[in-house]
Protein backbone atom coordinates (compact mmCIF):
# COMPACT_ATOMS: atom_id res chain seq x y z
CA MET A 1 17.04 21.96 1.79
CA HIS A 2 17.69 18.67 3.53
CA VAL A 3 14.93 16.19 2.70
CA VAL A 4 14.62 12.76 4.28
CA VAL A 5 12.71 10.02 2.46
CA CYS A 6 11.35 6.97 4.29
CA LEU A 7 11.45 4.01 1.94
CA LYS A 8 10.40 0.39 2.28
CA GLN A 9 11.03 -2.69 0.16
CA VAL A 10 7.89 -4.81 -0.24
CA PRO A 11 6.89 -8.05 -2.01
CA ASP A 12 5.60 -7.52 -5.54
CA SER A 13 1.81 -7.64 -5.14
CA SER A 14 1.46 -9.59 -8.39
CA GLU A 15 3.44 -12.44 -6.81
CA MET A 16 2.23 -12.06 -3.22
CA ARG A 17 1.33 -15.34 -1.50
CA ILE A 18 0.06 -16.26 1.97
CA ASN A 19 1.34 -19.24 3.93
CA PRO A 20 -1.87 -21.23 4.59
CA LYS A 21 -0.52 -22.61 7.89
CA THR A 22 0.94 -19.47 9.47
CA GLY A 23 -1.25 -16.84 7.75
CA THR A 24 1.82 -14.68 7.08
CA LEU A 25 3.29 -13.30 3.86
CA VAL A 26 5.64 -15.61 2.00
CA ARG A 27 8.73 -13.50 1.22
CA GLN A 28 11.12 -16.24 0.14
CA GLY A 29 11.28 -16.60 -3.62
CA VAL A 30 9.02 -13.57 -4.15
CA THR A 31 10.31 -10.59 -6.13
CA SER A 32 10.76 -7.47 -3.98
CA ILE A 33 10.25 -3.91 -5.18
CA ILE A 34 10.34 -0.43 -3.68
CA ASN A 35 6.92 0.38 -2.28
CA PRO A 36 5.16 2.14 -5.21
CA TYR A 37 4.06 5.15 -3.12
CA ASP A 38 7.57 5.59 -1.71
CA VAL A 39 9.18 6.08 -5.12
CA HIS A 40 6.92 9.10 -5.64
CA ALA A 41 8.00 10.42 -2.24
CA LEU A 42 11.60 10.03 -3.40
CA GLU A 43 10.85 11.84 -6.66
CA ALA A 44 9.27 14.71 -4.72
CA ALA A 45 12.43 15.03 -2.63
CA LEU A 46 14.65 14.97 -5.72
CA GLN A 47 12.59 17.69 -7.41
CA ILE A 48 12.97 19.92 -4.33
CA LYS A 49 16.71 19.26 -4.40
CA ASP A 50 16.81 20.16 -8.12
CA GLN A 51 15.03 23.44 -7.40
CA PHE A 52 16.74 24.60 -4.22
CA GLY A 53 19.86 22.48 -3.90
CA GLY A 54 20.70 20.52 -0.77
CA GLU A 55 20.67 16.84 0.05
CA VAL A 56 18.33 13.86 -0.03
CA THR A 57 18.81 11.21 2.65
CA VAL A 58 16.93 7.93 2.31
CA VAL A 59 16.24 5.83 5.40
CA SER A 60 14.78 2.34 5.53
CA MET A 61 14.14 -0.19 8.29
CA GLY A 62 14.49 -3.83 7.34
CA PRO A 63 16.77 -6.82 6.75
CA PRO A 64 20.12 -6.55 4.92
CA PHE A 65 18.64 -7.37 1.49
CA PHE A 66 16.82 -4.00 1.57
CA GLU A 67 20.18 -2.63 0.41
CA GLN A 68 19.11 -3.25 -3.18
CA SER A 69 16.28 -0.72 -2.94
CA LEU A 70 18.65 1.82 -1.41
CA LYS A 71 21.00 1.38 -4.36
CA GLU A 72 18.07 2.13 -6.68
CA ALA A 73 17.43 5.34 -4.75
CA VAL A 74 21.07 6.37 -5.22
CA ALA A 75 20.84 5.60 -8.94
CA VAL A 76 18.15 8.27 -9.40
CA GLY A 77 19.86 10.91 -7.27
CA ALA A 78 19.75 10.27 -3.51
CA ASP A 79 22.88 11.53 -1.75
CA ARG A 80 23.07 9.03 1.08
CA THR A 81 21.14 6.04 2.38
CA ILE A 82 20.74 4.60 5.85
CA LEU A 83 19.58 1.07 6.59
CA VAL A 84 18.32 0.42 10.11
CA SER A 85 18.69 -3.33 10.45
CA ASP A 86 18.47 -5.46 13.58
CA ARG A 87 16.98 -8.90 14.24
CA ALA A 88 15.39 -7.47 17.36
CA MET A 89 13.23 -5.24 15.13
CA ALA A 90 11.54 -8.15 13.35
CA GLY A 91 7.76 -8.30 13.62
CA ALA A 92 7.35 -4.60 14.39
CA ASP A 93 3.92 -3.06 13.98
CA THR A 94 3.39 0.54 12.82
CA PHE A 95 3.83 1.87 16.37
CA ALA A 96 7.29 0.31 16.79
CA THR A 97 8.28 1.09 13.20
CA SER A 98 7.48 4.79 13.56
CA ARG A 99 9.50 4.89 16.78
CA VAL A 100 12.58 3.43 15.08
CA LEU A 101 12.33 5.73 12.06
CA ALA A 102 11.77 8.80 14.22
CA GLU A 103 14.90 7.98 16.22
CA ALA A 104 16.81 7.42 12.99
CA ILE A 105 15.75 10.88 11.74
CA ARG A 106 16.87 12.45 15.02
CA ARG A 107 20.28 10.85 14.54
CA ILE A 108 20.38 12.00 10.90
CA GLU A 109 19.88 15.56 12.15
CA ARG A 110 22.70 15.20 14.66
CA GLU A 111 25.14 13.79 12.11
CA PHE A 112 24.16 15.46 8.84
CA GLY A 113 22.34 18.65 9.80
CA PRO A 114 18.75 19.82 10.35
CA VAL A 115 15.99 18.14 8.33
CA ASP A 116 13.62 20.53 6.54
CA LEU A 117 11.14 18.04 5.12
CA ILE A 118 10.29 14.33 5.47
CA CYS A 119 8.61 12.55 2.55
CA CYS A 120 6.79 9.22 2.89
CA GLY A 121 4.49 7.25 0.64
CA ARG A 122 0.80 7.31 1.51
CA GLN A 123 0.99 3.70 2.66
CA THR A 124 2.76 0.43 1.91
CA ILE A 125 1.11 -2.18 -0.26
CA ASP A 126 1.92 -5.01 2.15
CA GLY A 127 0.42 -3.37 5.26
CA ASP A 128 -1.99 -0.78 3.80
CA THR A 129 -2.33 1.06 7.12
CA GLY A 130 -1.02 4.53 6.26
CA GLN A 131 0.00 4.94 9.92
CA VAL A 132 3.80 5.08 9.86
CA GLY A 133 4.17 8.56 8.35
CA PRO A 134 1.76 10.25 10.81
CA GLY A 135 3.36 8.22 13.61
CA ILE A 136 6.80 9.63 12.78
CA ALA A 137 5.42 13.18 12.68
CA ALA A 138 3.74 12.71 16.06
CA ARG A 139 6.99 11.50 17.64
CA LEU A 140 8.97 14.37 16.13
CA ASP A 141 6.21 16.86 17.01
CA ILE A 142 6.01 18.34 13.51
CA PRO A 143 3.03 18.99 11.18
CA VAL A 144 1.87 16.13 8.95
CA LEU A 145 0.24 16.67 5.52
CA THR A 146 -1.34 13.47 4.21
CA TYR A 147 -2.61 12.39 0.76
CA VAL A 148 -0.56 15.06 -1.02
CA ILE A 149 -1.20 15.21 -4.77
CA ARG A 150 0.59 18.48 -5.55
CA ILE A 151 3.30 20.61 -3.98
CA ARG A 152 2.33 24.17 -4.86
CA GLU A 153 5.13 26.07 -3.17
CA VAL A 154 8.20 25.47 -1.05
CA ASN A 155 9.76 28.51 0.61
CA PRO A 156 13.00 27.67 2.45
CA GLN A 157 13.55 31.29 3.52
CA GLY A 158 10.00 31.77 4.79
CA ARG A 159 10.07 28.25 6.29
CA TYR A 160 6.75 27.12 4.87
CA ILE A 161 5.29 24.74 2.29
CA VAL A 162 1.94 24.85 0.44
CA VAL A 163 0.43 21.58 -0.80
CA GLU A 164 -2.76 20.31 -2.34
CA ARG A 165 -4.11 17.19 -0.70
CA LYS A 166 -6.85 14.76 -1.59
CA VAL A 167 -9.86 14.75 0.73
CA GLU A 168 -13.22 13.04 0.48
CA GLY A 169 -15.30 14.85 -2.11
CA GLY A 170 -12.65 17.32 -3.23
CA ARG A 171 -9.24 18.91 -2.79
CA GLN A 172 -7.76 20.92 0.06
CA VAL A 173 -4.94 23.48 -0.13
CA VAL A 174 -2.89 23.61 3.07
CA ARG A 175 0.01 25.80 4.16
CA SER A 176 2.33 24.48 6.85
CA THR A 177 5.49 25.56 8.59
CA LEU A 178 8.74 23.67 8.06
CA PRO A 179 9.91 21.17 9.08
CA ALA A 180 6.92 19.03 8.14
CA LEU A 181 6.14 15.50 6.99
CA LEU A 182 4.29 14.64 3.77
CA THR A 183 2.60 11.38 2.79
CA VAL A 184 2.15 11.42 -0.97
CA GLU A 185 -0.08 9.90 -3.62
CA LYS A 186 1.11 8.39 -6.89
CA GLU A 187 -0.39 11.24 -8.96
CA LEU A 188 1.97 13.73 -7.33
CA ASN A 189 4.64 13.39 -10.02
CA GLU A 190 6.15 11.47 -12.92
CA LEU A 191 9.13 9.31 -12.05
CA ARG A 192 12.57 9.90 -13.53
CA TYR A 193 14.91 7.27 -14.94
CA ALA A 194 18.30 6.49 -13.49
CA SER A 195 21.23 8.04 -15.35
CA LEU A 196 24.35 6.11 -16.33
CA PRO A 197 26.53 8.02 -13.81
CA GLY A 198 23.87 7.38 -11.20
CA MET A 199 23.84 3.65 -11.90
CA LEU A 200 27.64 3.53 -11.69
CA ARG A 201 27.53 5.37 -8.39
CA ALA A 202 24.83 3.03 -7.11
CA ALA A 203 26.90 -0.04 -8.01
CA ARG A 204 29.66 1.17 -5.67
CA HIS A 205 27.31 2.48 -2.98
CA LYS A 206 27.17 0.99 0.49
CA PRO A 207 24.47 2.26 2.85
CA ILE A 208 25.19 3.41 6.36
CA VAL A 209 23.94 0.63 8.67
CA TRP A 210 22.51 1.38 12.11
CA ASN A 211 20.95 -0.97 14.64
CA ARG A 212 18.95 -0.74 17.84
CA GLU A 213 21.95 0.13 19.95
CA THR A 214 23.07 2.82 17.49
CA LEU A 215 19.74 4.57 18.01
CA GLY A 216 19.78 4.10 21.78
CA LEU A 217 16.58 2.04 21.83
CA ASP A 218 15.79 -0.57 24.44
CA ARG A 219 15.01 -4.13 23.38
CA THR A 220 11.46 -3.72 24.67
CA GLU A 221 10.88 -0.68 22.41
CA VAL A 222 11.37 -2.43 19.08
CA GLY A 223 10.10 -5.45 17.18
CA LEU A 224 7.41 -7.64 18.67
CA LEU A 225 8.21 -6.56 22.23
CA GLY A 226 7.66 -2.92 21.32
CA SER A 227 4.46 -3.56 19.33
CA PRO A 228 1.14 -3.16 21.17
CA THR A 229 -0.76 -4.64 18.23
CA ILE A 230 -1.77 -8.24 18.93
CA VAL A 231 -2.87 -10.45 16.05
CA ALA A 232 -5.35 -12.79 17.70
CA LYS A 233 -5.87 -14.92 14.62
CA SER A 234 -4.70 -14.88 11.04
CA PHE A 235 -6.04 -17.20 8.38
CA THR A 236 -6.62 -17.56 4.67
CA PRO A 237 -9.88 -18.80 3.11
CA PRO A 238 -9.77 -22.53 2.35
CA GLU A 239 -9.15 -23.50 -1.23
CA ARG A 240 -12.27 -24.52 -3.13
CA LYS A 241 -11.87 -27.32 -5.60
CA ARG A 242 -13.99 -27.07 -8.72
CA ASN A 243 -14.65 -29.78 -11.28
CA THR A 244 -14.64 -28.39 -14.80
CA VAL A 245 -16.37 -30.16 -17.69
CA MET A 246 -15.62 -29.16 -21.27
CA ILE A 247 -18.53 -29.46 -23.73
CA ASP A 248 -17.81 -29.91 -27.42
CA GLY A 249 -19.32 -26.92 -29.18
CA SER A 250 -18.97 -28.12 -32.78
CA ASP A 251 -22.69 -28.94 -32.82
CA PRO A 252 -24.51 -26.02 -31.09
CA ARG A 253 -27.81 -27.89 -30.68
CA ARG A 254 -26.21 -30.91 -29.11
CA ALA A 255 -24.00 -28.71 -26.92
CA ALA A 256 -27.02 -26.75 -25.68
CA ARG A 257 -28.92 -29.97 -24.95
CA GLU A 258 -25.97 -31.42 -23.03
CA LEU A 259 -25.54 -28.21 -21.05
CA ALA A 260 -29.24 -28.17 -20.13
CA ASP A 261 -29.12 -31.84 -19.08
CA ARG A 262 -26.08 -31.27 -16.89
CA LEU A 263 -27.60 -28.22 -15.25
CA LEU A 264 -30.91 -29.96 -14.56
CA ALA A 265 -29.02 -32.88 -13.09
CA HIS A 266 -27.58 -30.60 -10.40
CA PRO A 267 -29.89 -30.59 -7.34
CA THR A 268 -29.45 -26.91 -6.53
CA PHE A 269 -30.12 -25.78 -10.10
CA ARG A 270 -33.09 -28.13 -10.46
CA LYS A 271 -34.59 -26.83 -7.23
CA ALA A 272 -34.15 -23.24 -8.39
CA VAL A 273 -35.87 -24.03 -11.72
CA LEU A 274 -38.82 -25.71 -10.00
CA GLU A 275 -39.25 -22.82 -7.56
CA SER A 276 -39.10 -20.34 -10.43
CA ARG A 277 -41.74 -22.26 -12.36
CA ARG A 278 -43.96 -22.50 -9.26
CA ALA A 279 -43.67 -18.75 -8.65
CA ALA A 280 -44.46 -18.00 -12.30
CA ALA A 281 -47.55 -20.25 -12.19
CA MET A 282 -48.81 -18.58 -9.03
CA ALA A 283 -48.30 -15.15 -10.54
CA ALA A 284 -50.19 -16.18 -13.68
CA ALA A 285 -53.07 -17.60 -11.63
CA MET A 286 -53.33 -14.43 -9.55
CA ALA A 287 -53.29 -12.29 -12.69
CA GLN A 288 -56.03 -14.41 -14.26
CA GLY A 289 -58.18 -14.22 -11.11
CA ALA A 290 -57.77 -10.46 -10.96
CA GLY A 291 -58.76 -10.14 -14.60
CA GLY A 292 -61.92 -12.26 -14.08
CA ALA A 293 -62.96 -10.19 -11.09
CA ALA A 294 -62.54 -6.99 -13.06
CA GLY A 295 -64.70 -8.40 -15.90
CA SER A 296 -67.51 -9.37 -13.51
CA THR A 297 -67.51 -5.90 -11.99
CA GLY A 298 -67.77 -4.35 -15.41
CA ASP A 299 -70.87 -6.42 -16.34
CA ARG A 300 -72.92 -5.04 -13.47
C-alpha cells in the first residue's frame, strides 16, 4: 500500500492573534504546530503501513519553515516528505491549494509509484473550511469519504476500503473502491510517540522540495492569481475598555451597601430598576382589581 498524507502546519490556536489593521492572522512569533486533524490522518496511514507494508509519503504546501512539521512526520514513521514551496503560491484559497496538492500527488505517482489511498484531516484549524480534501479528490477523479471515525476494513487485493463516517444524527458505513481519499476525525485513532531511531532519522531528514515550475503549473493557477475567492472585507471587533472597581469585602454589609450605591448610580441600571418597579406595581394593581371584581360578583 502506498498512502499519501496531506499535512499542514498551522498557528497554535491558543496563541492565535489577528492583526487589527489588516484583519489577517499574525504568524510571526506564534508557535506553529501540525494541524491536529492531520496528525490523525498520518496515524491512519502509518497503521495501514504496519498492517500491509508499503510506504507513507507526506506532502505539504507552504513556506520553508514547514520543514519542521515534516521532520515530525518522519520521526513517527513516514518514509518520505515533499514540501511544495513557492512565493507565487502565497495567499492561495482552497481552490488553488487543492489544485497544487493534486498536481503534487500526480507527480508522486509518476516518481514513486501508484497511490492507493490519500489521507487528510477533516479541516484545518486556521481555515475551518474542510474543502481541500474533497477538492483534491475531485481533481483526481477518485471517491472521497469524509468525517471518517473508523476504518473497518482495507483490502488491497480486492481494491476496496470500508469506513464508518460521522453523519448528522448517526453513523454511516460506506464501502469504496481504491484509490480513494479520506478526511478523518480526531476520534479515528490514538496517536503514537516518536521512537528514538525515528527521531535520529528525522534529525538528518531533508524533504524533497518542489515548486510551481516542478509541477508544471502556470503563475495564474496558483496563489492569489489562481484563487477565485475574494475577501471583500476583513475586520476584528473593536476592543472594549472596561473600568473595574474592587470593593473591599471584609465588611459584608458595607460591601453590599457600596455595591448597591454604585449600581444605582449607573443610569442604565437605575432605569432598569425603575421600570421593573413600575411593572411590578401595575401587575399588583391589576391583580387587586381582579380580586375586587371577583368578590363583588360573589356577593350577588
